[in-house]
PDB file of N, CA and C in Angstrom:
ATOM      1  N   MET A   1     -12.181  16.051  11.497  1.00  0.00           N
ATOM      2  CA  MET A   1     -10.913  16.144  10.796  1.00  0.00           C
ATOM      3  C   MET A   1     -11.068  15.542   9.396  1.00  0.00           C
ATOM      4  N   ARG A   2     -10.592  16.232   8.373  1.00  0.00           N
ATOM      5  CA  ARG A   2     -10.679  15.754   6.997  1.00  0.00           C
ATOM      6  C   ARG A   2      -9.476  14.901   6.642  1.00  0.00           C
ATOM      7  N   ALA A   3      -9.727  13.907   5.794  1.00  0.00           N
ATOM      8  CA  ALA A   3      -8.639  13.079   5.305  1.00  0.00           C
ATOM      9  C   ALA A   3      -7.763  13.891   4.353  1.00  0.00           C
ATOM     10  N   GLN A   4      -6.499  13.542   4.290  1.00  0.00           N
ATOM     11  CA  GLN A   4      -5.549  14.188   3.391  1.00  0.00           C
ATOM     12  C   GLN A   4      -5.707  13.637   1.983  1.00  0.00           C
ATOM     13  N   THR A   5      -5.186  14.360   1.015  1.00  0.00           N
ATOM     14  CA  THR A   5      -5.107  13.854  -0.343  1.00  0.00           C
ATOM     15  C   THR A   5      -4.000  12.812  -0.399  1.00  0.00           C
ATOM     16  N   ALA A   6      -4.250  11.706  -1.068  1.00  0.00           N
ATOM     17  CA  ALA A   6      -3.267  10.623  -1.147  1.00  0.00           C
ATOM     18  C   ALA A   6      -2.028  11.057  -1.928  1.00  0.00           C
ATOM     19  N   HIS A   7      -0.889  10.750  -1.358  1.00  0.00           N
ATOM     20  CA  HIS A   7       0.390  11.059  -1.995  1.00  0.00           C
ATOM     21  C   HIS A   7       0.738  10.010  -3.051  1.00  0.00           C
ATOM     22  N   PHE A   8       0.328   8.769  -2.822  1.00  0.00           N
ATOM     23  CA  PHE A   8       0.621   7.660  -3.736  1.00  0.00           C
ATOM     24  C   PHE A   8      -0.644   7.249  -4.470  1.00  0.00           C
ATOM     25  N   THR A   9      -0.462   6.495  -5.552  1.00  0.00           N
ATOM     26  CA  THR A   9      -1.600   6.051  -6.342  1.00  0.00           C
ATOM     27  C   THR A   9      -1.434   4.582  -6.745  1.00  0.00           C
ATOM     28  N   LEU A  10      -2.472   4.012  -7.325  1.00  0.00           N
ATOM     29  CA  LEU A  10      -2.444   2.619  -7.741  1.00  0.00           C
ATOM     30  C   LEU A  10      -1.274   2.362  -8.685  1.00  0.00           C
ATOM     31  N   GLY A  11      -0.566   1.266  -8.424  1.00  0.00           N
ATOM     32  CA  GLY A  11       0.575   0.888  -9.249  1.00  0.00           C
ATOM     33  C   GLY A  11       1.908   1.414  -8.762  1.00  0.00           C
ATOM     34  N   ASP A  12       1.903   2.338  -7.791  1.00  0.00           N
ATOM     35  CA  ASP A  12       3.159   2.858  -7.251  1.00  0.00           C
ATOM     36  C   ASP A  12       3.855   1.798  -6.395  1.00  0.00           C
ATOM     37  N   ILE A  13       5.169   1.734  -6.512  1.00  0.00           N
ATOM     38  CA  ILE A  13       5.974   0.855  -5.662  1.00  0.00           C
ATOM     39  C   ILE A  13       6.463   1.689  -4.484  1.00  0.00           C
ATOM     40  N   VAL A  14       6.265   1.158  -3.285  1.00  0.00           N
ATOM     41  CA  VAL A  14       6.587   1.894  -2.062  1.00  0.00           C
ATOM     42  C   VAL A  14       7.399   1.025  -1.100  1.00  0.00           C
ATOM     43  N   TRP A  15       7.976   1.696  -0.125  1.00  0.00           N
ATOM     44  CA  TRP A  15       8.766   1.063   0.924  1.00  0.00           C
ATOM     45  C   TRP A  15       8.103   1.367   2.258  1.00  0.00           C
ATOM     46  N   HIS A  16       7.843   0.334   3.067  1.00  0.00           N
ATOM     47  CA  HIS A  16       7.320   0.530   4.417  1.00  0.00           C
ATOM     48  C   HIS A  16       8.509   0.832   5.313  1.00  0.00           C
ATOM     49  N   SER A  17       8.603   2.070   5.760  1.00  0.00           N
ATOM     50  CA  SER A  17       9.783   2.506   6.501  1.00  0.00           C
ATOM     51  C   SER A  17       9.904   1.878   7.882  1.00  0.00           C
ATOM     52  N   GLY A  18       8.807   1.512   8.498  1.00  0.00           N
ATOM     53  CA  GLY A  18       8.870   0.930   9.831  1.00  0.00           C
ATOM     54  C   GLY A  18       9.130  -0.558   9.841  1.00  0.00           C
ATOM     55  N   ASN A  19       8.662  -1.267   8.823  1.00  0.00           N
ATOM     56  CA  ASN A  19       8.781  -2.726   8.801  1.00  0.00           C
ATOM     57  C   ASN A  19       9.725  -3.251   7.731  1.00  0.00           C
ATOM     58  N   ASP A  20      10.396  -2.360   7.032  1.00  0.00           N
ATOM     59  CA  ASP A  20      11.427  -2.728   6.048  1.00  0.00           C
ATOM     60  C   ASP A  20      10.965  -3.757   5.019  1.00  0.00           C
ATOM     61  N   TYR A  21       9.895  -3.444   4.323  1.00  0.00           N
ATOM     62  CA  TYR A  21       9.512  -4.243   3.164  1.00  0.00           C
ATOM     63  C   TYR A  21       8.986  -3.306   2.100  1.00  0.00           C
ATOM     64  N   ARG A  22       8.975  -3.807   0.878  1.00  0.00           N
ATOM     65  CA  ARG A  22       8.445  -3.019  -0.227  1.00  0.00           C
ATOM     66  C   ARG A  22       7.222  -3.716  -0.786  1.00  0.00           C
ATOM     67  N   GLY A  23       6.423  -2.955  -1.500  1.00  0.00           N
ATOM     68  CA  GLY A  23       5.228  -3.511  -2.110  1.00  0.00           C
ATOM     69  C   GLY A  23       4.686  -2.558  -3.151  1.00  0.00           C
ATOM     70  N   VAL A  24       3.596  -2.985  -3.769  1.00  0.00           N
ATOM     71  CA  VAL A  24       2.960  -2.167  -4.792  1.00  0.00           C
ATOM     72  C   VAL A  24       1.521  -1.895  -4.375  1.00  0.00           C
ATOM     73  N   ILE A  25       1.070  -0.667  -4.588  1.00  0.00           N
ATOM     74  CA  ILE A  25      -0.265  -0.241  -4.163  1.00  0.00           C
ATOM     75  C   ILE A  25      -1.322  -0.762  -5.126  1.00  0.00           C
ATOM     76  N   VAL A  26      -2.356  -1.435  -4.548  1.00  0.00           N
ATOM     77  CA  VAL A  26      -3.472  -1.937  -5.354  1.00  0.00           C
ATOM     78  C   VAL A  26      -4.814  -1.359  -4.926  1.00  0.00           C
ATOM     79  N   ASP A  27      -4.833  -0.576  -3.842  1.00  0.00           N
ATOM     80  CA  ASP A  27      -6.070   0.075  -3.409  1.00  0.00           C
ATOM     81  C   ASP A  27      -5.706   1.229  -2.488  1.00  0.00           C
ATOM     82  N   VAL A  28      -6.546   2.282  -2.515  1.00  0.00           N
ATOM     83  CA  VAL A  28      -6.325   3.457  -1.675  1.00  0.00           C
ATOM     84  C   VAL A  28      -7.638   3.825  -1.002  1.00  0.00           C
ATOM     85  N   ASP A  29      -7.601   4.006   0.316  1.00  0.00           N
ATOM     86  CA  ASP A  29      -8.738   4.524   1.083  1.00  0.00           C
ATOM     87  C   ASP A  29      -8.370   5.925   1.549  1.00  0.00           C
ATOM     88  N   PRO A  30      -9.291   6.890   1.476  1.00  0.00           N
ATOM     89  CA  PRO A  30      -8.976   8.254   1.900  1.00  0.00           C
ATOM     90  C   PRO A  30      -8.679   8.367   3.394  1.00  0.00           C
ATOM     91  N   GLU A  31      -9.189   7.414   4.186  1.00  0.00           N
ATOM     92  CA  GLU A  31      -8.860   7.304   5.604  1.00  0.00           C
ATOM     93  C   GLU A  31      -9.088   5.859   6.005  1.00  0.00           C
ATOM     94  N   PHE A  32      -8.748   5.512   7.237  1.00  0.00           N
ATOM     95  CA  PHE A  32      -8.834   4.128   7.687  1.00  0.00           C
ATOM     96  C   PHE A  32     -10.222   3.543   7.462  1.00  0.00           C
ATOM     97  N   GLU A  33     -10.276   2.406   6.777  1.00  0.00           N
ATOM     98  CA  GLU A  33     -11.532   1.696   6.544  1.00  0.00           C
ATOM     99  C   GLU A  33     -11.399   0.218   6.869  1.00  0.00           C
ATOM    100  N   GLY A  34     -10.378  -0.131   7.616  1.00  0.00           N
ATOM    101  CA  GLY A  34     -10.164  -1.515   7.990  1.00  0.00           C
ATOM    102  C   GLY A  34     -11.031  -1.920   9.166  1.00  0.00           C
ATOM    103  N   PRO A  35     -10.887  -3.168   9.607  1.00  0.00           N
ATOM    104  CA  PRO A  35     -11.671  -3.658  10.742  1.00  0.00           C
ATOM    105  C   PRO A  35     -11.336  -2.926  12.041  1.00  0.00           C
ATOM    106  N   GLU A  36     -12.370  -2.570  12.785  1.00  0.00           N
ATOM    107  CA  GLU A  36     -12.172  -1.847  14.051  1.00  0.00           C
ATOM    108  C   GLU A  36     -11.373  -2.668  15.056  1.00  0.00           C
ATOM    109  N   ASP A  37     -11.587  -3.981  15.098  1.00  0.00           N
ATOM    110  CA  ASP A  37     -10.844  -4.807  16.042  1.00  0.00           C
ATOM    111  C   ASP A  37      -9.350  -4.814  15.706  1.00  0.00           C
ATOM    112  N   TRP A  38      -9.004  -4.778  14.427  1.00  0.00           N
ATOM    113  CA  TRP A  38      -7.595  -4.700  14.038  1.00  0.00           C
ATOM    114  C   TRP A  38      -6.995  -3.382  14.519  1.00  0.00           C
ATOM    115  N   TYR A  39      -7.705  -2.291  14.300  1.00  0.00           N
ATOM    116  CA  TYR A  39      -7.194  -0.978  14.707  1.00  0.00           C
ATOM    117  C   TYR A  39      -7.040  -0.911  16.232  1.00  0.00           C
ATOM    118  N   ALA A  40      -8.012  -1.448  16.958  1.00  0.00           N
ATOM    119  CA  ALA A  40      -7.955  -1.433  18.423  1.00  0.00           C
ATOM    120  C   ALA A  40      -6.799  -2.278  18.951  1.00  0.00           C
ATOM    121  N   ASP A  41      -6.467  -3.362  18.248  1.00  0.00           N
ATOM    122  CA  ASP A  41      -5.395  -4.252  18.685  1.00  0.00           C
ATOM    123  C   ASP A  41      -4.016  -3.829  18.195  1.00  0.00           C
ATOM    124  N   ALA A  42      -3.957  -2.842  17.327  1.00  0.00           N
ATOM    125  CA  ALA A  42      -2.672  -2.396  16.782  1.00  0.00           C
ATOM    126  C   ALA A  42      -1.804  -1.845  17.905  1.00  0.00           C
ATOM    127  N   SER A  43      -0.541  -1.721  17.609  1.00  0.00           N
ATOM    128  CA  SER A  43       0.406  -1.258  18.626  1.00  0.00           C
ATOM    129  C   SER A  43       0.049   0.134  19.129  1.00  0.00           C
ATOM    130  N   ALA A  44       0.659   0.525  20.214  1.00  0.00           N
ATOM    131  CA  ALA A  44       0.423   1.842  20.799  1.00  0.00           C
ATOM    132  C   ALA A  44       0.836   2.958  19.846  1.00  0.00           C
ATOM    133  N   GLN A  45       1.662   2.646  18.873  1.00  0.00           N
ATOM    134  CA  GLN A  45       2.130   3.634  17.913  1.00  0.00           C
ATOM    135  C   GLN A  45       1.299   3.621  16.635  1.00  0.00           C
ATOM    136  N   ARG A  46       0.073   3.139  16.726  1.00  0.00           N
ATOM    137  CA  ARG A  46      -0.749   3.027  15.515  1.00  0.00           C
ATOM    138  C   ARG A  46      -0.913   4.384  14.842  1.00  0.00           C
ATOM    139  N   PRO A  47      -0.934   4.381  13.528  1.00  0.00           N
ATOM    140  CA  PRO A  47      -1.093   5.631  12.768  1.00  0.00           C
ATOM    141  C   PRO A  47      -2.495   6.221  12.940  1.00  0.00           C
ATOM    142  N   GLN A  48      -2.598   7.499  12.678  1.00  0.00           N
ATOM    143  CA  GLN A  48      -3.882   8.184  12.728  1.00  0.00           C
ATOM    144  C   GLN A  48      -4.826   7.659  11.649  1.00  0.00           C
ATOM    145  N   ARG A  49      -6.109   7.674  11.940  1.00  0.00           N
ATOM    146  CA  ARG A  49      -7.136   7.218  10.996  1.00  0.00           C
ATOM    147  C   ARG A  49      -7.295   8.164   9.814  1.00  0.00           C
ATOM    148  N   HIS A  50      -7.186   9.469  10.067  1.00  0.00           N
ATOM    149  CA  HIS A  50      -7.535  10.494   9.081  1.00  0.00           C
ATOM    150  C   HIS A  50      -6.357  10.839   8.181  1.00  0.00           C
ATOM    151  N   GLN A  51      -5.934   9.842   7.428  1.00  0.00           N
ATOM    152  CA  GLN A  51      -4.903   9.987   6.413  1.00  0.00           C
ATOM    153  C   GLN A  51      -5.138   8.861   5.421  1.00  0.00           C
ATOM    154  N   PRO A  52      -4.571   8.924   4.239  1.00  0.00           N
ATOM    155  CA  PRO A  52      -4.750   7.814   3.293  1.00  0.00           C
ATOM    156  C   PRO A  52      -4.155   6.509   3.830  1.00  0.00           C
ATOM    157  N   TRP A  53      -4.857   5.419   3.553  1.00  0.00           N
ATOM    158  CA  TRP A  53      -4.406   4.057   3.878  1.00  0.00           C
ATOM    159  C   TRP A  53      -4.381   3.269   2.574  1.00  0.00           C
ATOM    160  N   TYR A  54      -3.394   2.400   2.446  1.00  0.00           N
ATOM    161  CA  TYR A  54      -3.145   1.700   1.191  1.00  0.00           C
ATOM    162  C   TYR A  54      -3.114   0.185   1.400  1.00  0.00           C
ATOM    163  N   SER A  55      -3.647  -0.537   0.416  1.00  0.00           N
ATOM    164  CA  SER A  55      -3.483  -1.990   0.365  1.00  0.00           C
ATOM    165  C   SER A  55      -2.303  -2.257  -0.564  1.00  0.00           C
ATOM    166  N   LEU A  56      -1.350  -3.033  -0.051  1.00  0.00           N
ATOM    167  CA  LEU A  56      -0.121  -3.323  -0.790  1.00  0.00           C
ATOM    168  C   LEU A  56       0.039  -4.809  -1.000  1.00  0.00           C
ATOM    169  N   LEU A  57       0.476  -5.197  -2.188  1.00  0.00           N
ATOM    170  CA  LEU A  57       0.964  -6.550  -2.412  1.00  0.00           C
ATOM    171  C   LEU A  57       2.427  -6.517  -1.985  1.00  0.00           C
ATOM    172  N   VAL A  58       2.767  -7.298  -0.970  1.00  0.00           N
ATOM    173  CA  VAL A  58       4.113  -7.268  -0.392  1.00  0.00           C
ATOM    174  C   VAL A  58       5.064  -8.099  -1.244  1.00  0.00           C
ATOM    175  N   ASP A  59       6.203  -7.504  -1.577  1.00  0.00           N
ATOM    176  CA  ASP A  59       7.216  -8.140  -2.412  1.00  0.00           C
ATOM    177  C   ASP A  59       7.742  -9.418  -1.772  1.00  0.00           C
ATOM    178  N   ASN A  60       7.934 -10.446  -2.613  1.00  0.00           N
ATOM    179  CA  ASN A  60       8.468 -11.746  -2.185  1.00  0.00           C
ATOM    180  C   ASN A  60       7.645 -12.364  -1.062  1.00  0.00           C
ATOM    181  N   SER A  61       6.316 -12.252  -1.168  1.00  0.00           N
ATOM    182  CA  SER A  61       5.394 -12.741  -0.147  1.00  0.00           C
ATOM    183  C   SER A  61       4.047 -13.010  -0.803  1.00  0.00           C
ATOM    184  N   GLU A  62       3.155 -13.645  -0.055  1.00  0.00           N
ATOM    185  CA  GLU A  62       1.754 -13.776  -0.472  1.00  0.00           C
ATOM    186  C   GLU A  62       0.877 -12.818   0.317  1.00  0.00           C
ATOM    187  N   HIS A  63       1.482 -12.000   1.155  1.00  0.00           N
ATOM    188  CA  HIS A  63       0.780 -11.111   2.074  1.00  0.00           C
ATOM    189  C   HIS A  63       0.265  -9.856   1.372  1.00  0.00           C
ATOM    190  N   VAL A  64      -0.929  -9.418   1.783  1.00  0.00           N
ATOM    191  CA  VAL A  64      -1.466  -8.120   1.391  1.00  0.00           C
ATOM    192  C   VAL A  64      -1.508  -7.284   2.668  1.00  0.00           C
ATOM    193  N   ALA A  65      -0.813  -6.162   2.679  1.00  0.00           N
ATOM    194  CA  ALA A  65      -0.724  -5.309   3.867  1.00  0.00           C
ATOM    195  C   ALA A  65      -1.654  -4.110   3.718  1.00  0.00           C
ATOM    196  N   TYR A  66      -2.130  -3.601   4.852  1.00  0.00           N
ATOM    197  CA  TYR A  66      -2.947  -2.385   4.912  1.00  0.00           C
ATOM    198  C   TYR A  66      -2.144  -1.379   5.721  1.00  0.00           C
ATOM    199  N   VAL A  67      -1.691  -0.296   5.067  1.00  0.00           N
ATOM    200  CA  VAL A  67      -0.663   0.570   5.650  1.00  0.00           C
ATOM    201  C   VAL A  67      -1.065   2.038   5.538  1.00  0.00           C
ATOM    202  N   ALA A  68      -0.809   2.787   6.599  1.00  0.00           N
ATOM    203  CA  ALA A  68      -1.045   4.230   6.604  1.00  0.00           C
ATOM    204  C   ALA A  68       0.043   4.936   5.802  1.00  0.00           C
ATOM    205  N   GLU A  69      -0.350   6.029   5.172  1.00  0.00           N
ATOM    206  CA  GLU A  69       0.595   6.773   4.342  1.00  0.00           C
ATOM    207  C   GLU A  69       1.841   7.208   5.100  1.00  0.00           C
ATOM    208  N   GLU A  70       1.696   7.582   6.366  1.00  0.00           N
ATOM    209  CA  GLU A  70       2.848   8.072   7.134  1.00  0.00           C
ATOM    210  C   GLU A  70       3.968   7.047   7.245  1.00  0.00           C
ATOM    211  N   ASN A  71       3.669   5.776   6.974  1.00  0.00           N
ATOM    212  CA  ASN A  71       4.673   4.725   7.064  1.00  0.00           C
ATOM    213  C   ASN A  71       5.310   4.376   5.720  1.00  0.00           C
ATOM    214  N   LEU A  72       4.933   5.094   4.669  1.00  0.00           N
ATOM    215  CA  LEU A  72       5.410   4.742   3.334  1.00  0.00           C
ATOM    216  C   LEU A  72       6.317   5.804   2.742  1.00  0.00           C
ATOM    217  N   GLU A  73       7.258   5.317   1.933  1.00  0.00           N
ATOM    218  CA  GLU A  73       8.146   6.157   1.135  1.00  0.00           C
ATOM    219  C   GLU A  73       8.122   5.611  -0.285  1.00  0.00           C
ATOM    220  N   ALA A  74       8.390   6.462  -1.244  1.00  0.00           N
ATOM    221  CA  ALA A  74       8.504   6.001  -2.625  1.00  0.00           C
ATOM    222  C   ALA A  74       9.719   5.092  -2.744  1.00  0.00           C
ATOM    223  N   ASP A  75       9.582   3.997  -3.481  1.00  0.00           N
ATOM    224  CA  ASP A  75      10.710   3.107  -3.777  1.00  0.00           C
ATOM    225  C   ASP A  75      11.225   3.504  -5.162  1.00  0.00           C
ATOM    226  N   GLU A  76      12.430   3.983  -5.205  1.00  0.00           N
ATOM    227  CA  GLU A  76      13.009   4.501  -6.449  1.00  0.00           C
ATOM    228  C   GLU A  76      13.830   3.456  -7.207  1.00  0.00           C
ATOM    229  N   SER A  77      13.831   2.209  -6.744  1.00  0.00           N
ATOM    230  CA  SER A  77      14.709   1.191  -7.324  1.00  0.00           C
ATOM    231  C   SER A  77      14.297   0.763  -8.732  1.00  0.00           C
ATOM    232  N   GLU A  78      13.035   0.900  -9.086  1.00  0.00           N
ATOM    233  CA  GLU A  78      12.479   0.443 -10.367  1.00  0.00           C
ATOM    234  C   GLU A  78      12.592  -1.065 -10.542  1.00  0.00           C
ATOM    235  N   GLU A  79      12.835  -1.792  -9.447  1.00  0.00           N
ATOM    236  CA  GLU A  79      12.862  -3.254  -9.474  1.00  0.00           C
ATOM    237  C   GLU A  79      11.438  -3.779  -9.417  1.00  0.00           C
ATOM    238  N   PRO A  80      11.128  -4.882 -10.118  1.00  0.00           N
ATOM    239  CA  PRO A  80       9.768  -5.430 -10.068  1.00  0.00           C
ATOM    240  C   PRO A  80       9.424  -5.992  -8.697  1.00  0.00           C
ATOM    241  N   VAL A  81       8.132  -6.041  -8.402  1.00  0.00           N
ATOM    242  CA  VAL A  81       7.613  -6.647  -7.179  1.00  0.00           C
ATOM    243  C   VAL A  81       7.184  -8.068  -7.522  1.00  0.00           C
ATOM    244  N   ASN A  82       7.524  -9.009  -6.656  1.00  0.00           N
ATOM    245  CA  ASN A  82       7.183 -10.416  -6.851  1.00  0.00           C
ATOM    246  C   ASN A  82       6.081 -10.797  -5.864  1.00  0.00           C
ATOM    247  N   HIS A  83       4.878 -11.021  -6.379  1.00  0.00           N
ATOM    248  CA  HIS A  83       3.726 -11.416  -5.556  1.00  0.00           C
ATOM    249  C   HIS A  83       2.814 -12.260  -6.435  1.00  0.00           C
ATOM    250  N   PRO A  84       2.245 -13.358  -5.910  1.00  0.00           N
ATOM    251  CA  PRO A  84       1.425 -14.244  -6.742  1.00  0.00           C
ATOM    252  C   PRO A  84       0.161 -13.596  -7.304  1.00  0.00           C
ATOM    253  N   ALA A  85      -0.321 -12.500  -6.733  1.00  0.00           N
ATOM    254  CA  ALA A  85      -1.544 -11.857  -7.230  1.00  0.00           C
ATOM    255  C   ALA A  85      -1.271 -10.711  -8.208  1.00  0.00           C
ATOM    256  N   MET A  86      -0.026 -10.488  -8.559  1.00  0.00           N
ATOM    257  CA  MET A  86       0.319  -9.348  -9.419  1.00  0.00           C
ATOM    258  C   MET A  86      -0.519  -9.305 -10.690  1.00  0.00           C
ATOM    259  N   ALA A  87      -0.616 -10.394 -11.401  1.00  0.00           N
ATOM    260  CA  ALA A  87      -1.308 -10.404 -12.691  1.00  0.00           C
ATOM    261  C   ALA A  87      -2.801 -10.109 -12.549  1.00  0.00           C
ATOM    262  N   SER A  88      -3.375 -10.341 -11.386  1.00  0.00           N
ATOM    263  CA  SER A  88      -4.793 -10.061 -11.171  1.00  0.00           C
ATOM    264  C   SER A  88      -5.088  -8.566 -11.085  1.00  0.00           C
ATOM    265  N   PHE A  89      -4.109  -7.782 -10.669  1.00  0.00           N
ATOM    266  CA  PHE A  89      -4.316  -6.358 -10.440  1.00  0.00           C
ATOM    267  C   PHE A  89      -3.529  -5.455 -11.371  1.00  0.00           C
ATOM    268  N   LEU A  90      -2.333  -5.901 -11.731  1.00  0.00           N
ATOM    269  CA  LEU A  90      -1.391  -4.998 -12.372  1.00  0.00           C
ATOM    270  C   LEU A  90      -0.889  -5.521 -13.697  1.00  0.00           C
ATOM    271  N   GLY A  91      -0.544  -4.578 -14.560  1.00  0.00           N
ATOM    272  CA  GLY A  91       0.007  -4.908 -15.869  1.00  0.00           C
ATOM    273  C   GLY A  91       1.517  -4.769 -15.868  1.00  0.00           C
ATOM    274  N   GLU A  92       2.017  -4.077 -16.865  1.00  0.00           N
ATOM    275  CA  GLU A  92       3.450  -3.923 -17.078  1.00  0.00           C
ATOM    276  C   GLU A  92       4.073  -2.892 -16.139  1.00  0.00           C
ATOM    277  N   LEU A  93       5.339  -3.105 -15.855  1.00  0.00           N
ATOM    278  CA  LEU A  93       6.135  -2.155 -15.081  1.00  0.00           C
ATOM    279  C   LEU A  93       6.803  -1.196 -16.055  1.00  0.00           C
ATOM    280  N   HIS A  94       6.519   0.100 -15.900  1.00  0.00           N
ATOM    281  CA  HIS A  94       7.102   1.139 -16.759  1.00  0.00           C
ATOM    282  C   HIS A  94       7.666   2.245 -15.881  1.00  0.00           C
ATOM    283  N   HIS A  95       8.974   2.430 -15.947  1.00  0.00           N
ATOM    284  CA  HIS A  95       9.640   3.513 -15.221  1.00  0.00           C
ATOM    285  C   HIS A  95       9.318   3.493 -13.726  1.00  0.00           C
ATOM    286  N   GLY A  96       9.323   2.302 -13.131  1.00  0.00           N
ATOM    287  CA  GLY A  96       9.129   2.174 -11.691  1.00  0.00           C
ATOM    288  C   GLY A  96       7.690   2.206 -11.217  1.00  0.00           C
ATOM    289  N   ARG A  97       6.736   2.075 -12.138  1.00  0.00           N
ATOM    290  CA  ARG A  97       5.310   2.106 -11.786  1.00  0.00           C
ATOM    291  C   ARG A  97       4.555   1.099 -12.656  1.00  0.00           C
ATOM    292  N   TYR A  98       3.582   0.423 -12.040  1.00  0.00           N
ATOM    293  CA  TYR A  98       2.796  -0.565 -12.770  1.00  0.00           C
ATOM    294  C   TYR A  98       1.526   0.053 -13.359  1.00  0.00           C
ATOM    295  N   THR A  99       1.114  -0.474 -14.513  1.00  0.00           N
ATOM    296  CA  THR A  99      -0.206  -0.156 -15.029  1.00  0.00           C
ATOM    297  C   THR A  99      -1.203  -0.976 -14.228  1.00  0.00           C
ATOM    298  N   VAL A 100      -2.471  -0.524 -14.139  1.00  0.00           N
ATOM    299  CA  VAL A 100      -3.456  -1.123 -13.238  1.00  0.00           C
ATOM    300  C   VAL A 100      -4.607  -1.744 -14.019  1.00  0.00           C
ATOM    301  N   HIS A 101      -5.007  -2.974 -13.608  1.00  0.00           N
ATOM    302  CA  HIS A 101      -6.178  -3.644 -14.178  1.00  0.00           C
ATOM    303  C   HIS A 101      -7.439  -3.354 -13.384  1.00  0.00           C
ATOM    304  N   GLN A 102      -7.374  -3.529 -12.052  1.00  0.00           N
ATOM    305  CA  GLN A 102      -8.538  -3.363 -11.176  1.00  0.00           C
ATOM    306  C   GLN A 102      -8.059  -3.140  -9.750  1.00  0.00           C
ATOM    307  N   THR A 103      -8.991  -2.825  -8.844  1.00  0.00           N
ATOM    308  CA  THR A 103      -8.651  -2.629  -7.433  1.00  0.00           C
ATOM    309  C   THR A 103      -9.214  -3.756  -6.591  1.00  0.00           C
ATOM    310  N   LEU A 104      -8.876  -3.757  -5.311  1.00  0.00           N
ATOM    311  CA  LEU A 104      -9.337  -4.793  -4.397  1.00  0.00           C
ATOM    312  C   LEU A 104     -10.823  -4.727  -4.111  1.00  0.00           C
ATOM    313  N   ASN A 105     -11.477  -3.594  -4.346  1.00  0.00           N
ATOM    314  CA  ASN A 105     -12.894  -3.462  -4.015  1.00  0.00           C
ATOM    315  C   ASN A 105     -13.671  -4.456  -4.733  1.00  0.00           C
TER     316      ASN A 105
END
């Protein structure tokens, strides 16, 4: 099975529809590349591997989440994301999207 083309890109602000939080994308994998033990321990409703997965800086948190595309929606609020690592990855917020300095790799 081939991975899908990513719907979101670096600097996009998104909403996790299942866990009700927002964040900004700082890395994109064409399919699951996280730890196998994490995937095996995930809930019975774990997302499919063969889709884009994103690393997100979670708003109002220090957490970095790894999320499947099927769980994300575009956040249209144009509100800034508050995360202590923002300046390491992202530049200015313009029209609801951040400029990008570097990725997590």
